Amino acid sequence: MRARCPWPRRVTEPGTASRAGGRHRSFAPTVLVGLGGAVLAAVAGSQEWARAEAGAAGIEVDAVATGAEAAPLAAALSLVALASWGVVLVTRHRLRRVVAAVGAVASVGALVAVGSAYASARDAAVDALMGQRSLGEASAGLTGWYFVAAAGSALSACALVMAVRRAEGWPAMGARYDAPSARPDATGAEEDMWRSLDQGKDPTS
């Protein structure tokens, strides 16, 4: 006679496991891309975005404009997006989606701020050059840091939008130590072991 388990087993609907696996597989790539983009945007936000040059009596004079001067909001919003990733990693469920949404808005705002500085960064560099009383016609151009800031903000925004859609099913730090009833992917064996521990029994005996 086959012994039956006194506790009901979890019934998994068809397709549930595959959907959960898809969400888990998106966790690491999305976090890496999002964190990398936010870090790049935050670092680039304080670097030189534009450089202006002019010649006067055979002497070349130049001046630069930083991201903090051309678009001070860009670096600040990038830091907000970066901080949101730290919260996303340690929170769960709906709170995680809310934080990801806040980070996504911050990243989009940073991207808009960078885009609006496309011309103003060069103008700021020229103004700084004119402040040196240089003579001659000045020429200004954007540096690589400006484009790094734009690319980082775009990557961070895309990853955070993905987090809003899928983060609720992502694993959380320390989730492996939760009771199986708190985890949707727990197996019946894990639940049996935890019930034995709750009742003071040794599940290995």
C-alpha atoms as a PDB file:
ATOM      1  CA  MET A   1       0.000   0.000   0.000  1.00  0.00           C
ATOM      2  CA  ARG A   2       1.420   3.353  -1.027  1.00  0.00           C
ATOM      3  CA  ALA A   3       1.735   5.917   1.730  1.00  0.00           C
ATOM      4  CA  ARG A   4       0.254   9.293   0.966  1.00  0.00           C
ATOM      5  CA  CYS A   5       1.601  12.600   2.086  1.00  0.00           C
ATOM      6  CA  PRO A   6      -0.813  14.226   4.579  1.00  0.00           C
ATOM      7  CA  TRP A   7      -0.173  17.668   3.093  1.00  0.00           C
ATOM      8  CA  PRO A   8      -1.444  18.766  -0.319  1.00  0.00           C
ATOM      9  CA  ARG A   9       1.144  19.160  -3.018  1.00  0.00           C
ATOM     10  CA  ARG A  10       1.512  22.387  -4.951  1.00  0.00           C
ATOM     11  CA  VAL A  11      -0.097  22.148  -8.362  1.00  0.00           C
ATOM     12  CA  THR A  12       1.753  24.084 -11.035  1.00  0.00           C
ATOM     13  CA  GLU A  13      -0.263  25.352 -13.952  1.00  0.00           C
ATOM     14  CA  PRO A  14       1.133  24.636 -17.428  1.00  0.00           C
ATOM     15  CA  GLY A  15       3.437  27.426 -18.538  1.00  0.00           C
ATOM     16  CA  THR A  16       3.941  28.856 -15.035  1.00  0.00           C
ATOM     17  CA  ALA A  17       7.391  27.338 -14.627  1.00  0.00           C
ATOM     18  CA  SER A  18       8.529  28.521 -18.042  1.00  0.00           C
ATOM     19  CA  ARG A  19       7.320  32.063 -17.359  1.00  0.00           C
ATOM     20  CA  ALA A  20       9.078  32.114 -13.977  1.00  0.00           C
ATOM     21  CA  GLY A  21      12.245  30.790 -15.597  1.00  0.00           C
ATOM     22  CA  GLY A  22      12.079  33.512 -18.230  1.00  0.00           C
ATOM     23  CA  ARG A  23      11.754  36.190 -15.586  1.00  0.00           C
ATOM     24  CA  HIS A  24      14.692  34.776 -13.636  1.00  0.00           C
ATOM     25  CA  ARG A  25      16.853  34.600 -16.770  1.00  0.00           C
ATOM     26  CA  SER A  26      16.205  38.289 -17.425  1.00  0.00           C
ATOM     27  CA  PHE A  27      17.378  39.238 -13.929  1.00  0.00           C
ATOM     28  CA  ALA A  28      21.179  39.210 -14.298  1.00  0.00           C
ATOM     29  CA  PRO A  29      21.426  40.779 -17.806  1.00  0.00           C
ATOM     30  CA  THR A  30      18.964  43.548 -16.954  1.00  0.00           C
ATOM     31  CA  VAL A  31      20.645  44.421 -13.668  1.00  0.00           C
ATOM     32  CA  LEU A  32      24.130  44.404 -15.217  1.00  0.00           C
ATOM     33  CA  VAL A  33      23.072  46.610 -18.130  1.00  0.00           C
ATOM     34  CA  GLY A  34      21.111  48.956 -15.881  1.00  0.00           C
ATOM     35  CA  LEU A  35      23.826  49.303 -13.269  1.00  0.00           C
ATOM     36  CA  GLY A  36      26.505  49.774 -15.920  1.00  0.00           C
ATOM     37  CA  GLY A  37      24.474  52.431 -17.706  1.00  0.00           C
ATOM     38  CA  ALA A  38      23.680  54.308 -14.497  1.00  0.00           C
ATOM     39  CA  VAL A  39      27.328  54.268 -13.412  1.00  0.00           C
ATOM     40  CA  LEU A  40      28.495  55.523 -16.816  1.00  0.00           C
ATOM     41  CA  ALA A  41      25.900  58.297 -16.807  1.00  0.00           C
ATOM     42  CA  ALA A  42      26.755  59.374 -13.257  1.00  0.00           C
ATOM     43  CA  VAL A  43      30.506  59.436 -13.910  1.00  0.00           C
ATOM     44  CA  ALA A  44      30.200  61.139 -17.292  1.00  0.00           C
ATOM     45  CA  GLY A  45      27.888  63.787 -15.827  1.00  0.00           C
ATOM     46  CA  SER A  46      30.817  65.502 -14.101  1.00  0.00           C
ATOM     47  CA  GLN A  47      33.316  65.195 -16.952  1.00  0.00           C
ATOM     48  CA  GLU A  48      34.151  67.573 -19.838  1.00  0.00           C
ATOM     49  CA  TRP A  49      31.312  67.629 -22.357  1.00  0.00           C
ATOM     50  CA  ALA A  50      32.553  70.310 -24.742  1.00  0.00           C
ATOM     51  CA  ARG A  51      35.793  72.043 -25.664  1.00  0.00           C
ATOM     52  CA  ALA A  52      36.246  75.363 -27.439  1.00  0.00           C
ATOM     53  CA  GLU A  53      39.439  76.583 -29.137  1.00  0.00           C
ATOM     54  CA  ALA A  54      40.590  79.829 -30.691  1.00  0.00           C
ATOM     55  CA  GLY A  55      43.827  81.287 -31.949  1.00  0.00           C
ATOM     56  CA  ALA A  56      45.218  84.683 -31.028  1.00  0.00           C
ATOM     57  CA  ALA A  57      48.556  85.967 -32.408  1.00  0.00           C
ATOM     58  CA  GLY A  58      49.728  82.428 -33.079  1.00  0.00           C
ATOM     59  CA  ILE A  59      48.713  81.225 -29.622  1.00  0.00           C
ATOM     60  CA  GLU A  60      46.046  78.570 -29.259  1.00  0.00           C
ATOM     61  CA  VAL A  61      43.630  79.096 -26.382  1.00  0.00           C
ATOM     62  CA  ASP A  62      41.028  76.599 -25.268  1.00  0.00           C
ATOM     63  CA  ALA A  63      38.341  76.188 -22.623  1.00  0.00           C
ATOM     64  CA  VAL A  64      35.990  73.413 -21.569  1.00  0.00           C
ATOM     65  CA  ALA A  65      32.469  73.019 -20.232  1.00  0.00           C
ATOM     66  CA  THR A  66      31.629  70.143 -17.900  1.00  0.00           C
ATOM     67  CA  GLY A  67      28.380  68.253 -17.657  1.00  0.00           C
ATOM     68  CA  ALA A  68      27.746  69.836 -14.268  1.00  0.00           C
ATOM     69  CA  GLU A  69      27.881  73.257 -15.936  1.00  0.00           C
ATOM     70  CA  ALA A  70      25.906  72.410 -19.068  1.00  0.00           C
ATOM     71  CA  ALA A  71      23.249  70.120 -17.523  1.00  0.00           C
ATOM     72  CA  PRO A  72      23.477  69.895 -13.726  1.00  0.00           C
ATOM     73  CA  LEU A  73      20.310  67.785 -13.549  1.00  0.00           C
ATOM     74  CA  ALA A  74      21.814  65.012 -15.659  1.00  0.00           C
ATOM     75  CA  ALA A  75      24.334  63.875 -13.038  1.00  0.00           C
ATOM     76  CA  ALA A  76      21.857  64.268 -10.168  1.00  0.00           C
ATOM     77  CA  LEU A  77      19.169  62.200 -11.898  1.00  0.00           C
ATOM     78  CA  SER A  78      21.727  59.569 -12.867  1.00  0.00           C
ATOM     79  CA  LEU A  79      22.604  59.180  -9.198  1.00  0.00           C
ATOM     80  CA  VAL A  80      18.911  58.702  -8.402  1.00  0.00           C
ATOM     81  CA  ALA A  81      18.721  55.969 -11.051  1.00  0.00           C
ATOM     82  CA  LEU A  82      21.852  54.326  -9.658  1.00  0.00           C
ATOM     83  CA  ALA A  83      20.447  54.376  -6.127  1.00  0.00           C
ATOM     84  CA  SER A  84      17.187  52.851  -7.349  1.00  0.00           C
ATOM     85  CA  TRP A  85      19.064  49.749  -8.520  1.00  0.00           C
ATOM     86  CA  GLY A  86      20.371  49.214  -5.005  1.00  0.00           C
ATOM     87  CA  VAL A  87      16.812  49.331  -3.660  1.00  0.00           C
ATOM     88  CA  VAL A  88      15.484  47.067  -6.421  1.00  0.00           C
ATOM     89  CA  LEU A  89      17.996  44.379  -5.461  1.00  0.00           C
ATOM     90  CA  VAL A  90      16.913  44.215  -1.805  1.00  0.00           C
ATOM     91  CA  THR A  91      13.147  44.792  -2.041  1.00  0.00           C
ATOM     92  CA  ARG A  92      10.393  42.571  -3.402  1.00  0.00           C
ATOM     93  CA  HIS A  93       7.036  42.516  -5.118  1.00  0.00           C
ATOM     94  CA  ARG A  94       5.174  45.788  -5.733  1.00  0.00           C
ATOM     95  CA  LEU A  95       7.614  48.003  -3.842  1.00  0.00           C
ATOM     96  CA  ARG A  96      10.344  46.817  -6.186  1.00  0.00           C
ATOM     97  CA  ARG A  97       8.274  47.833  -9.222  1.00  0.00           C
ATOM     98  CA  VAL A  98       7.534  51.245  -7.723  1.00  0.00           C
ATOM     99  CA  VAL A  99      11.223  51.907  -7.081  1.00  0.00           C
ATOM    100  CA  ALA A 100      12.105  50.710 -10.594  1.00  0.00           C
ATOM    101  CA  ALA A 101       9.507  53.104 -12.008  1.00  0.00           C
ATOM    102  CA  VAL A 102      11.033  56.002 -10.062  1.00  0.00           C
ATOM    103  CA  GLY A 103      14.463  55.070 -11.393  1.00  0.00           C
ATOM    104  CA  ALA A 104      13.130  54.823 -14.939  1.00  0.00           C
ATOM    105  CA  VAL A 105      11.652  58.330 -14.702  1.00  0.00           C
ATOM    106  CA  ALA A 106      14.975  59.619 -13.353  1.00  0.00           C
ATOM    107  CA  SER A 107      16.913  57.982 -16.202  1.00  0.00           C
ATOM    108  CA  VAL A 108      14.574  59.390 -18.832  1.00  0.00           C
ATOM    109  CA  GLY A 109      14.929  62.803 -17.204  1.00  0.00           C
ATOM    110  CA  ALA A 110      18.713  62.477 -17.314  1.00  0.00           C
ATOM    111  CA  LEU A 111      18.554  61.520 -20.988  1.00  0.00           C
ATOM    112  CA  VAL A 112      16.379  64.559 -21.737  1.00  0.00           C
ATOM    113  CA  ALA A 113      18.803  66.794 -19.827  1.00  0.00           C
ATOM    114  CA  VAL A 114      21.745  65.426 -21.815  1.00  0.00           C
ATOM    115  CA  GLY A 115      19.897  65.931 -25.088  1.00  0.00           C
ATOM    116  CA  SER A 116      18.987  69.504 -24.221  1.00  0.00           C
ATOM    117  CA  ALA A 117      22.684  70.225 -23.594  1.00  0.00           C
ATOM    118  CA  TYR A 118      23.693  69.281 -27.149  1.00  0.00           C
ATOM    119  CA  ALA A 119      24.057  72.936 -28.099  1.00  0.00           C
ATOM    120  CA  SER A 120      24.293  74.586 -24.675  1.00  0.00           C
ATOM    121  CA  ALA A 121      27.433  72.616 -23.746  1.00  0.00           C
ATOM    122  CA  ARG A 122      29.289  74.033 -26.738  1.00  0.00           C
ATOM    123  CA  ASP A 123      27.941  77.510 -26.003  1.00  0.00           C
ATOM    124  CA  ALA A 124      29.160  77.208 -22.414  1.00  0.00           C
ATOM    125  CA  ALA A 125      32.632  76.251 -23.631  1.00  0.00           C
ATOM    126  CA  VAL A 126      32.702  79.244 -25.997  1.00  0.00           C
ATOM    127  CA  ASP A 127      31.556  81.549 -23.213  1.00  0.00           C
ATOM    128  CA  ALA A 128      34.350  80.244 -21.010  1.00  0.00           C
ATOM    129  CA  LEU A 129      36.806  80.879 -23.834  1.00  0.00           C
ATOM    130  CA  MET A 130      35.571  84.431 -24.344  1.00  0.00           C
ATOM    131  CA  GLY A 131      36.059  84.958 -20.631  1.00  0.00           C
ATOM    132  CA  GLN A 132      39.756  84.473 -21.242  1.00  0.00           C
ATOM    133  CA  ARG A 133      39.698  87.470 -23.651  1.00  0.00           C
ATOM    134  CA  SER A 134      40.850  85.343 -26.544  1.00  0.00           C
ATOM    135  CA  LEU A 135      40.845  86.803 -30.032  1.00  0.00           C
ATOM    136  CA  GLY A 136      39.815  85.228 -33.305  1.00  0.00           C
ATOM    137  CA  GLU A 137      36.969  82.938 -34.226  1.00  0.00           C
ATOM    138  CA  ALA A 138      36.265  80.169 -31.715  1.00  0.00           C
ATOM    139  CA  SER A 139      35.295  76.632 -32.645  1.00  0.00           C
ATOM    140  CA  ALA A 140      33.631  74.238 -30.228  1.00  0.00           C
ATOM    141  CA  GLY A 141      32.866  70.538 -30.268  1.00  0.00           C
ATOM    142  CA  LEU A 142      31.482  67.861 -27.997  1.00  0.00           C
ATOM    143  CA  THR A 143      33.776  65.386 -26.266  1.00  0.00           C
ATOM    144  CA  GLY A 144      33.314  61.637 -25.913  1.00  0.00           C
ATOM    145  CA  TRP A 145      32.066  62.042 -22.349  1.00  0.00           C
ATOM    146  CA  TYR A 146      28.925  63.753 -23.619  1.00  0.00           C
ATOM    147  CA  PHE A 147      28.030  60.716 -25.718  1.00  0.00           C
ATOM    148  CA  VAL A 148      28.921  58.373 -22.852  1.00  0.00           C
ATOM    149  CA  ALA A 149      26.433  60.247 -20.670  1.00  0.00           C
ATOM    150  CA  ALA A 150      23.753  59.929 -23.350  1.00  0.00           C
ATOM    151  CA  ALA A 151      24.393  56.218 -23.915  1.00  0.00           C
ATOM    152  CA  GLY A 152      24.532  55.459 -20.182  1.00  0.00           C
ATOM    153  CA  SER A 153      21.251  57.266 -19.532  1.00  0.00           C
ATOM    154  CA  ALA A 154      19.558  55.414 -22.397  1.00  0.00           C
ATOM    155  CA  LEU A 155      20.795  52.004 -21.190  1.00  0.00           C
ATOM    156  CA  SER A 156      19.724  52.730 -17.637  1.00  0.00           C
ATOM    157  CA  ALA A 157      16.268  53.875 -18.760  1.00  0.00           C
ATOM    158  CA  CYS A 158      15.697  50.791 -20.939  1.00  0.00           C
ATOM    159  CA  ALA A 159      16.814  48.411 -18.183  1.00  0.00           C
ATOM    160  CA  LEU A 160      14.634  50.093 -15.569  1.00  0.00           C
ATOM    161  CA  VAL A 161      11.601  49.942 -17.846  1.00  0.00           C
ATOM    162  CA  MET A 162      12.286  46.211 -18.175  1.00  0.00           C
ATOM    163  CA  ALA A 163      12.567  46.017 -14.383  1.00  0.00           C
ATOM    164  CA  VAL A 164       9.145  47.619 -13.999  1.00  0.00           C
ATOM    165  CA  ARG A 165       7.684  44.855 -16.173  1.00  0.00           C
ATOM    166  CA  ARG A 166       9.534  41.855 -14.715  1.00  0.00           C
ATOM    167  CA  ALA A 167      11.116  42.739 -11.376  1.00  0.00           C
ATOM    168  CA  GLU A 168       8.187  41.440  -9.340  1.00  0.00           C
ATOM    169  CA  GLY A 169       9.184  37.895 -10.275  1.00  0.00           C
ATOM    170  CA  TRP A 170      12.925  38.360  -9.821  1.00  0.00           C
ATOM    171  CA  PRO A 171      14.769  36.739  -6.903  1.00  0.00           C
ATOM    172  CA  ALA A 172      15.644  38.990  -3.984  1.00  0.00           C
ATOM    173  CA  MET A 173      18.772  39.050  -1.829  1.00  0.00           C
ATOM    174  CA  GLY A 174      18.266  36.647   1.053  1.00  0.00           C
ATOM    175  CA  ALA A 175      15.204  35.023  -0.512  1.00  0.00           C
ATOM    176  CA  ARG A 176      16.849  31.591  -0.388  1.00  0.00           C
ATOM    177  CA  TYR A 177      16.498  31.643   3.399  1.00  0.00           C
ATOM    178  CA  ASP A 178      12.745  32.264   3.309  1.00  0.00           C
ATOM    179  CA  ALA A 179      10.229  29.588   4.116  1.00  0.00           C
ATOM    180  CA  PRO A 180       8.945  27.822   0.976  1.00  0.00           C
ATOM    181  CA  SER A 181       5.447  29.228   1.530  1.00  0.00           C
ATOM    182  CA  ALA A 182       6.911  32.671   0.800  1.00  0.00           C
ATOM    183  CA  ARG A 183       8.471  31.532  -2.472  1.00  0.00           C
ATOM    184  CA  PRO A 184       6.327  30.739  -5.527  1.00  0.00           C
ATOM    185  CA  ASP A 185       8.926  28.348  -6.937  1.00  0.00           C
ATOM    186  CA  ALA A 186       9.289  26.152  -3.850  1.00  0.00           C
ATOM    187  CA  THR A 187       9.000  22.372  -4.284  1.00  0.00           C
ATOM    188  CA  GLY A 188       6.919  19.958  -2.236  1.00  0.00           C
ATOM    189  CA  ALA A 189      10.021  18.450  -0.636  1.00  0.00           C
ATOM    190  CA  GLU A 190      11.120  21.866   0.587  1.00  0.00           C
ATOM    191  CA  GLU A 191       7.686  22.503   2.099  1.00  0.00           C
ATOM    192  CA  ASP A 192       7.747  19.117   3.871  1.00  0.00           C
ATOM    193  CA  MET A 193      11.155  19.888   5.354  1.00  0.00           C
ATOM    194  CA  TRP A 194      10.055  23.283   6.631  1.00  0.00           C
ATOM    195  CA  ARG A 195       6.901  21.809   8.170  1.00  0.00           C
ATOM    196  CA  SER A 196       9.041  19.245  10.002  1.00  0.00           C
ATOM    197  CA  LEU A 197      11.273  22.000  11.315  1.00  0.00           C
ATOM    198  CA  ASP A 198       8.248  24.017  12.468  1.00  0.00           C
ATOM    199  CA  GLN A 199       7.002  20.954  14.391  1.00  0.00           C
ATOM    200  CA  GLY A 200      10.389  20.435  16.031  1.00  0.00           C
ATOM    201  CA  LYS A 201      11.236  17.294  14.086  1.00  0.00           C
ATOM    202  CA  ASP A 202      14.545  16.446  12.475  1.00  0.00           C
ATOM    203  CA  PRO A 203      13.846  16.233   8.696  1.00  0.00           C
ATOM    204  CA  THR A 204      17.044  14.230   8.145  1.00  0.00           C
ATOM    205  CA  SER A 205      16.072  11.381  10.427  1.00  0.00           C
END
